[in-house]
Amino acid sequence: MTWHQEANCLGVDPEVFYPERGDMAAFRTAVAICKGCPVIEQCLEENMAEKDGIFGGLSANQRREYRKVHGIRADCLHCGVEFRLRNTTSGFCSPECKKARHHQQKMESAARAWWSEA
């Protein structure tokens, strides 16, 4: 059984979690469904990078602020180590891994170019 099957929102129309901008009554309705949910942490963690909607009881703006403080769990795109990502534009645990991945991609691109010429 996955965490989704234990969620308060199971069976609720997904549109409820995408209220119109400025519709505070609809926003409060969505948040009320999330309140007390036994899997709210899993929902928030899995949907932290979503750009719209209410997930884990937080709006997109609230999730963005949460990420700035707490980050989200991610695996480094180069070395695979798990780390806390504070924004969704980088996938590297360190500047060194970012440079190493860039170098690796350049070498792979050069190798592909060499093989296509042969």
N, C-alpha and C. Protein backbone atom coordinates (compact mmCIF):
# COMPACT_ATOMS: atom_id res chain seq x y z
N MET A 1 0.84 -1.18 0.00
CA MET A 1 0.00 0.00 0.00
C MET A 1 0.89 1.25 0.00
N THR A 2 0.58 2.21 -0.87
CA THR A 2 1.35 3.45 -0.92
C THR A 2 0.72 4.48 0.00
N TRP A 3 1.46 5.53 0.28
CA TRP A 3 0.95 6.57 1.17
C TRP A 3 -0.29 7.24 0.59
N HIS A 4 -0.41 7.26 -0.74
CA HIS A 4 -1.56 7.89 -1.39
C HIS A 4 -2.89 7.30 -0.93
N GLN A 5 -2.88 6.01 -0.65
CA GLN A 5 -4.10 5.32 -0.26
C GLN A 5 -4.55 5.65 1.16
N GLU A 6 -3.69 6.34 1.92
CA GLU A 6 -4.03 6.74 3.28
C GLU A 6 -4.35 8.23 3.38
N ALA A 7 -4.28 8.94 2.26
CA ALA A 7 -4.44 10.40 2.26
C ALA A 7 -5.89 10.82 2.46
N ASN A 8 -6.08 11.94 3.15
CA ASN A 8 -7.41 12.52 3.34
C ASN A 8 -8.06 12.87 2.01
N CYS A 9 -7.27 13.16 1.00
CA CYS A 9 -7.79 13.62 -0.28
C CYS A 9 -8.18 12.48 -1.23
N LEU A 10 -8.00 11.25 -0.79
CA LEU A 10 -8.35 10.10 -1.63
C LEU A 10 -9.82 10.19 -2.01
N GLY A 11 -10.10 10.21 -3.31
CA GLY A 11 -11.47 10.29 -3.80
C GLY A 11 -12.00 11.70 -3.97
N VAL A 12 -11.23 12.70 -3.55
CA VAL A 12 -11.65 14.11 -3.70
C VAL A 12 -11.27 14.58 -5.10
N ASP A 13 -12.13 15.36 -5.72
CA ASP A 13 -11.86 15.93 -7.05
C ASP A 13 -10.55 16.71 -7.00
N PRO A 14 -9.56 16.36 -7.82
CA PRO A 14 -8.26 17.05 -7.81
C PRO A 14 -8.38 18.56 -8.04
N GLU A 15 -9.41 19.01 -8.73
CA GLU A 15 -9.58 20.44 -8.99
C GLU A 15 -9.68 21.25 -7.71
N VAL A 16 -10.13 20.61 -6.62
CA VAL A 16 -10.24 21.29 -5.33
C VAL A 16 -8.88 21.85 -4.92
N PHE A 17 -7.81 21.17 -5.31
CA PHE A 17 -6.46 21.56 -4.89
C PHE A 17 -5.78 22.53 -5.85
N TYR A 18 -6.55 23.06 -6.80
CA TYR A 18 -6.06 24.07 -7.74
C TYR A 18 -7.05 25.24 -7.77
N PRO A 19 -7.19 25.94 -6.64
CA PRO A 19 -8.15 27.04 -6.59
C PRO A 19 -7.71 28.21 -7.47
N GLU A 20 -8.69 28.98 -7.91
CA GLU A 20 -8.39 30.19 -8.68
C GLU A 20 -7.59 31.16 -7.82
N ARG A 21 -6.72 31.91 -8.44
CA ARG A 21 -5.89 32.89 -7.74
C ARG A 21 -6.80 33.87 -6.99
N GLY A 22 -6.54 34.04 -5.72
CA GLY A 22 -7.30 34.98 -4.90
C GLY A 22 -8.57 34.40 -4.27
N ASP A 23 -8.94 33.18 -4.61
CA ASP A 23 -10.14 32.55 -4.04
C ASP A 23 -9.77 31.92 -2.70
N MET A 24 -9.82 32.73 -1.66
CA MET A 24 -9.38 32.29 -0.34
C MET A 24 -10.29 31.21 0.24
N ALA A 25 -11.58 31.25 -0.08
CA ALA A 25 -12.50 30.22 0.43
C ALA A 25 -12.10 28.86 -0.13
N ALA A 26 -11.80 28.81 -1.43
CA ALA A 26 -11.38 27.55 -2.06
C ALA A 26 -10.03 27.10 -1.51
N PHE A 27 -9.14 28.05 -1.28
CA PHE A 27 -7.83 27.74 -0.71
C PHE A 27 -8.01 27.12 0.68
N ARG A 28 -8.83 27.73 1.52
CA ARG A 28 -9.06 27.21 2.87
C ARG A 28 -9.71 25.83 2.84
N THR A 29 -10.58 25.59 1.87
CA THR A 29 -11.20 24.27 1.73
C THR A 29 -10.14 23.21 1.46
N ALA A 30 -9.24 23.49 0.54
CA ALA A 30 -8.17 22.54 0.20
C ALA A 30 -7.27 22.30 1.41
N VAL A 31 -6.89 23.36 2.08
CA VAL A 31 -6.00 23.24 3.24
C VAL A 31 -6.69 22.47 4.36
N ALA A 32 -8.01 22.66 4.52
CA ALA A 32 -8.76 21.94 5.56
C ALA A 32 -8.74 20.44 5.31
N ILE A 33 -8.78 20.04 4.05
CA ILE A 33 -8.70 18.62 3.72
C ILE A 33 -7.33 18.07 4.12
N CYS A 34 -6.30 18.86 3.92
CA CYS A 34 -4.93 18.44 4.26
C CYS A 34 -4.71 18.39 5.77
N LYS A 35 -5.39 19.28 6.48
CA LYS A 35 -5.16 19.38 7.93
C LYS A 35 -5.49 18.04 8.60
N GLY A 36 -4.57 17.55 9.37
CA GLY A 36 -4.76 16.30 10.08
C GLY A 36 -4.55 15.06 9.23
N CYS A 37 -4.14 15.23 7.98
CA CYS A 37 -3.91 14.08 7.11
C CYS A 37 -2.75 13.26 7.66
N PRO A 38 -2.90 11.94 7.71
CA PRO A 38 -1.83 11.11 8.28
C PRO A 38 -0.57 11.03 7.41
N VAL A 39 -0.67 11.46 6.16
CA VAL A 39 0.49 11.38 5.27
C VAL A 39 0.88 12.75 4.71
N ILE A 40 0.58 13.80 5.45
CA ILE A 40 0.84 15.15 4.97
C ILE A 40 2.33 15.38 4.69
N GLU A 41 3.21 14.80 5.51
CA GLU A 41 4.65 14.99 5.30
C GLU A 41 5.11 14.35 3.99
N GLN A 42 4.62 13.14 3.71
CA GLN A 42 4.99 12.46 2.47
C GLN A 42 4.49 13.24 1.26
N CYS A 43 3.28 13.75 1.35
CA CYS A 43 2.70 14.54 0.25
C CYS A 43 3.53 15.79 -0.01
N LEU A 44 3.87 16.48 1.06
CA LEU A 44 4.67 17.70 0.92
C LEU A 44 6.03 17.39 0.32
N GLU A 45 6.70 16.37 0.83
CA GLU A 45 8.04 16.02 0.33
C GLU A 45 8.01 15.63 -1.14
N GLU A 46 7.03 14.81 -1.53
CA GLU A 46 6.97 14.35 -2.91
C GLU A 46 6.59 15.45 -3.89
N ASN A 47 5.83 16.43 -3.44
CA ASN A 47 5.30 17.46 -4.33
C ASN A 47 5.93 18.83 -4.11
N MET A 48 7.05 18.86 -3.41
CA MET A 48 7.67 20.14 -3.06
C MET A 48 8.01 21.00 -4.28
N ALA A 49 8.37 20.41 -5.38
CA ALA A 49 8.79 21.19 -6.56
C ALA A 49 7.62 21.56 -7.48
N GLU A 50 6.40 21.14 -7.15
CA GLU A 50 5.25 21.48 -7.99
C GLU A 50 5.07 23.00 -8.04
N LYS A 51 4.78 23.51 -9.22
CA LYS A 51 4.67 24.96 -9.41
C LYS A 51 3.27 25.50 -9.10
N ASP A 52 2.25 24.64 -9.06
CA ASP A 52 0.87 25.05 -8.81
C ASP A 52 0.22 24.12 -7.82
N GLY A 53 -0.92 24.53 -7.31
CA GLY A 53 -1.74 23.67 -6.48
C GLY A 53 -1.38 23.66 -5.02
N ILE A 54 -2.25 22.99 -4.26
CA ILE A 54 -2.08 22.82 -2.82
C ILE A 54 -1.60 21.39 -2.59
N PHE A 55 -0.44 21.25 -1.97
CA PHE A 55 0.12 19.94 -1.64
C PHE A 55 0.67 20.00 -0.23
N GLY A 56 0.39 18.99 0.56
CA GLY A 56 0.87 18.99 1.94
C GLY A 56 0.36 20.18 2.73
N GLY A 57 -0.77 20.72 2.31
CA GLY A 57 -1.37 21.85 3.01
C GLY A 57 -0.75 23.20 2.68
N LEU A 58 0.17 23.24 1.71
CA LEU A 58 0.85 24.49 1.36
C LEU A 58 0.60 24.86 -0.09
N SER A 59 0.49 26.16 -0.34
CA SER A 59 0.38 26.67 -1.71
C SER A 59 1.75 26.65 -2.36
N ALA A 60 1.80 26.93 -3.65
CA ALA A 60 3.08 26.98 -4.37
C ALA A 60 4.01 28.02 -3.75
N ASN A 61 3.49 29.19 -3.41
CA ASN A 61 4.32 30.23 -2.80
C ASN A 61 4.84 29.79 -1.43
N GLN A 62 3.98 29.15 -0.66
CA GLN A 62 4.41 28.67 0.65
C GLN A 62 5.47 27.57 0.52
N ARG A 63 5.30 26.70 -0.46
CA ARG A 63 6.31 25.65 -0.68
C ARG A 63 7.64 26.26 -1.11
N ARG A 64 7.60 27.30 -1.93
CA ARG A 64 8.83 27.97 -2.36
C ARG A 64 9.57 28.54 -1.14
N GLU A 65 8.83 29.18 -0.23
CA GLU A 65 9.44 29.74 0.98
C GLU A 65 9.98 28.61 1.88
N TYR A 66 9.24 27.54 1.98
CA TYR A 66 9.67 26.38 2.77
C TYR A 66 10.98 25.82 2.22
N ARG A 67 11.07 25.70 0.89
CA ARG A 67 12.30 25.18 0.25
C ARG A 67 13.50 26.06 0.56
N LYS A 68 13.29 27.37 0.60
CA LYS A 68 14.40 28.28 0.88
C LYS A 68 15.00 28.00 2.26
N VAL A 69 14.16 27.63 3.20
CA VAL A 69 14.62 27.38 4.57
C VAL A 69 15.06 25.93 4.76
N HIS A 70 14.23 24.99 4.32
CA HIS A 70 14.46 23.58 4.63
C HIS A 70 15.04 22.77 3.48
N GLY A 71 14.85 23.22 2.24
CA GLY A 71 15.29 22.44 1.09
C GLY A 71 14.41 21.22 0.89
N ILE A 72 14.72 20.47 -0.16
CA ILE A 72 14.02 19.21 -0.42
C ILE A 72 15.06 18.12 -0.64
N ARG A 73 14.67 16.91 -0.36
CA ARG A 73 15.59 15.79 -0.51
C ARG A 73 15.79 15.52 -2.01
N ALA A 74 17.06 15.38 -2.40
CA ALA A 74 17.39 15.10 -3.80
C ALA A 74 18.68 14.29 -3.85
N ASP A 75 18.91 13.65 -4.98
CA ASP A 75 20.17 12.93 -5.21
C ASP A 75 21.00 13.75 -6.19
N CYS A 76 22.27 13.93 -5.89
CA CYS A 76 23.17 14.68 -6.75
C CYS A 76 23.21 14.03 -8.13
N LEU A 77 23.11 14.85 -9.17
CA LEU A 77 23.12 14.36 -10.54
C LEU A 77 24.48 13.80 -10.96
N HIS A 78 25.52 14.12 -10.20
CA HIS A 78 26.86 13.61 -10.54
C HIS A 78 27.24 12.41 -9.68
N CYS A 79 27.27 12.60 -8.37
CA CYS A 79 27.79 11.54 -7.50
C CYS A 79 26.70 10.67 -6.88
N GLY A 80 25.45 11.13 -6.94
CA GLY A 80 24.34 10.33 -6.42
C GLY A 80 24.09 10.46 -4.93
N VAL A 81 24.91 11.22 -4.21
CA VAL A 81 24.72 11.37 -2.78
C VAL A 81 23.43 12.17 -2.52
N GLU A 82 22.70 11.80 -1.46
CA GLU A 82 21.48 12.51 -1.10
C GLU A 82 21.85 13.81 -0.38
N PHE A 83 21.15 14.89 -0.72
CA PHE A 83 21.41 16.18 -0.09
C PHE A 83 20.12 16.98 -0.06
N ARG A 84 20.13 18.13 0.60
CA ARG A 84 18.97 19.00 0.69
C ARG A 84 19.10 20.10 -0.37
N LEU A 85 18.22 20.08 -1.34
CA LEU A 85 18.21 21.04 -2.45
C LEU A 85 17.34 22.22 -2.05
N ARG A 86 17.87 23.42 -2.13
CA ARG A 86 17.13 24.60 -1.70
C ARG A 86 16.40 25.30 -2.85
N ASN A 87 16.78 25.01 -4.08
CA ASN A 87 16.03 25.53 -5.22
C ASN A 87 15.94 24.42 -6.26
N THR A 88 15.07 24.60 -7.23
CA THR A 88 14.85 23.53 -8.20
C THR A 88 15.67 23.71 -9.48
N THR A 89 16.62 24.65 -9.47
CA THR A 89 17.40 24.89 -10.69
C THR A 89 18.73 24.16 -10.68
N SER A 90 19.14 23.62 -9.55
CA SER A 90 20.41 22.91 -9.46
C SER A 90 20.16 21.51 -8.95
N GLY A 91 20.92 20.57 -9.43
CA GLY A 91 20.76 19.20 -8.95
C GLY A 91 22.06 18.63 -8.43
N PHE A 92 22.94 19.50 -7.97
CA PHE A 92 24.26 19.06 -7.54
C PHE A 92 24.50 19.38 -6.08
N CYS A 93 25.19 18.47 -5.39
CA CYS A 93 25.43 18.64 -3.96
C CYS A 93 26.54 19.66 -3.67
N SER A 94 27.37 19.96 -4.69
CA SER A 94 28.47 20.89 -4.48
C SER A 94 28.90 21.51 -5.82
N PRO A 95 29.60 22.63 -5.76
CA PRO A 95 30.13 23.21 -7.00
C PRO A 95 31.10 22.26 -7.70
N GLU A 96 31.83 21.46 -6.92
CA GLU A 96 32.77 20.51 -7.50
C GLU A 96 32.04 19.47 -8.35
N CYS A 97 30.91 18.96 -7.84
CA CYS A 97 30.13 17.97 -8.60
C CYS A 97 29.55 18.60 -9.86
N LYS A 98 29.13 19.85 -9.76
CA LYS A 98 28.58 20.54 -10.93
C LYS A 98 29.65 20.66 -12.01
N LYS A 99 30.87 21.06 -11.61
CA LYS A 99 31.98 21.18 -12.57
C LYS A 99 32.36 19.82 -13.15
N ALA A 100 32.41 18.81 -12.29
CA ALA A 100 32.78 17.47 -12.75
C ALA A 100 31.76 16.94 -13.75
N ARG A 101 30.47 17.16 -13.50
CA ARG A 101 29.43 16.69 -14.42
C ARG A 101 29.54 17.44 -15.75
N HIS A 102 29.79 18.73 -15.70
CA HIS A 102 29.95 19.52 -16.93
C HIS A 102 31.14 19.00 -17.74
N HIS A 103 32.25 18.72 -17.07
CA HIS A 103 33.44 18.19 -17.73
C HIS A 103 33.13 16.82 -18.35
N GLN A 104 32.44 15.98 -17.61
CA GLN A 104 32.07 14.65 -18.10
C GLN A 104 31.20 14.76 -19.35
N GLN A 105 30.23 15.67 -19.35
CA GLN A 105 29.36 15.84 -20.51
C GLN A 105 30.14 16.37 -21.72
N LYS A 106 31.10 17.24 -21.50
CA LYS A 106 31.92 17.75 -22.60
C LYS A 106 32.74 16.61 -23.21
N MET A 107 33.29 15.75 -22.37
CA MET A 107 34.09 14.64 -22.86
C MET A 107 33.22 13.65 -23.64
N GLU A 108 32.02 13.38 -23.15
CA GLU A 108 31.11 12.46 -23.85
C GLU A 108 30.68 13.04 -25.19
N SER A 109 30.45 14.34 -25.23
CA SER A 109 30.06 15.00 -26.47
C SER A 109 31.20 14.94 -27.49
N ALA A 110 32.42 15.17 -27.02
CA ALA A 110 33.58 15.10 -27.91
C ALA A 110 33.77 13.68 -28.44
N ALA A 111 33.55 12.69 -27.59
CA ALA A 111 33.68 11.29 -28.04
C ALA A 111 32.63 10.96 -29.07
N ARG A 112 31.40 11.42 -28.88
CA ARG A 112 30.35 11.16 -29.87
C ARG A 112 30.69 11.83 -31.20
N ALA A 113 31.22 13.03 -31.14
CA ALA A 113 31.59 13.74 -32.36
C ALA A 113 32.72 12.99 -33.09
N TRP A 114 33.68 12.49 -32.32
CA TRP A 114 34.80 11.77 -32.94
C TRP A 114 34.29 10.50 -33.62
N TRP A 115 33.40 9.75 -32.96
CA TRP A 115 32.88 8.50 -33.53
C TRP A 115 32.01 8.76 -34.75
N SER A 116 31.29 9.87 -34.77
CA SER A 116 30.42 10.14 -35.93
C SER A 116 31.24 10.55 -37.16
N GLU A 117 32.46 11.06 -36.94
CA GLU A 117 33.33 11.43 -38.07
C GLU A 117 34.02 10.21 -38.67
N ALA A 118 34.22 9.19 -37.87
CA ALA A 118 34.98 8.01 -38.32
C ALA A 118 34.18 7.13 -39.25
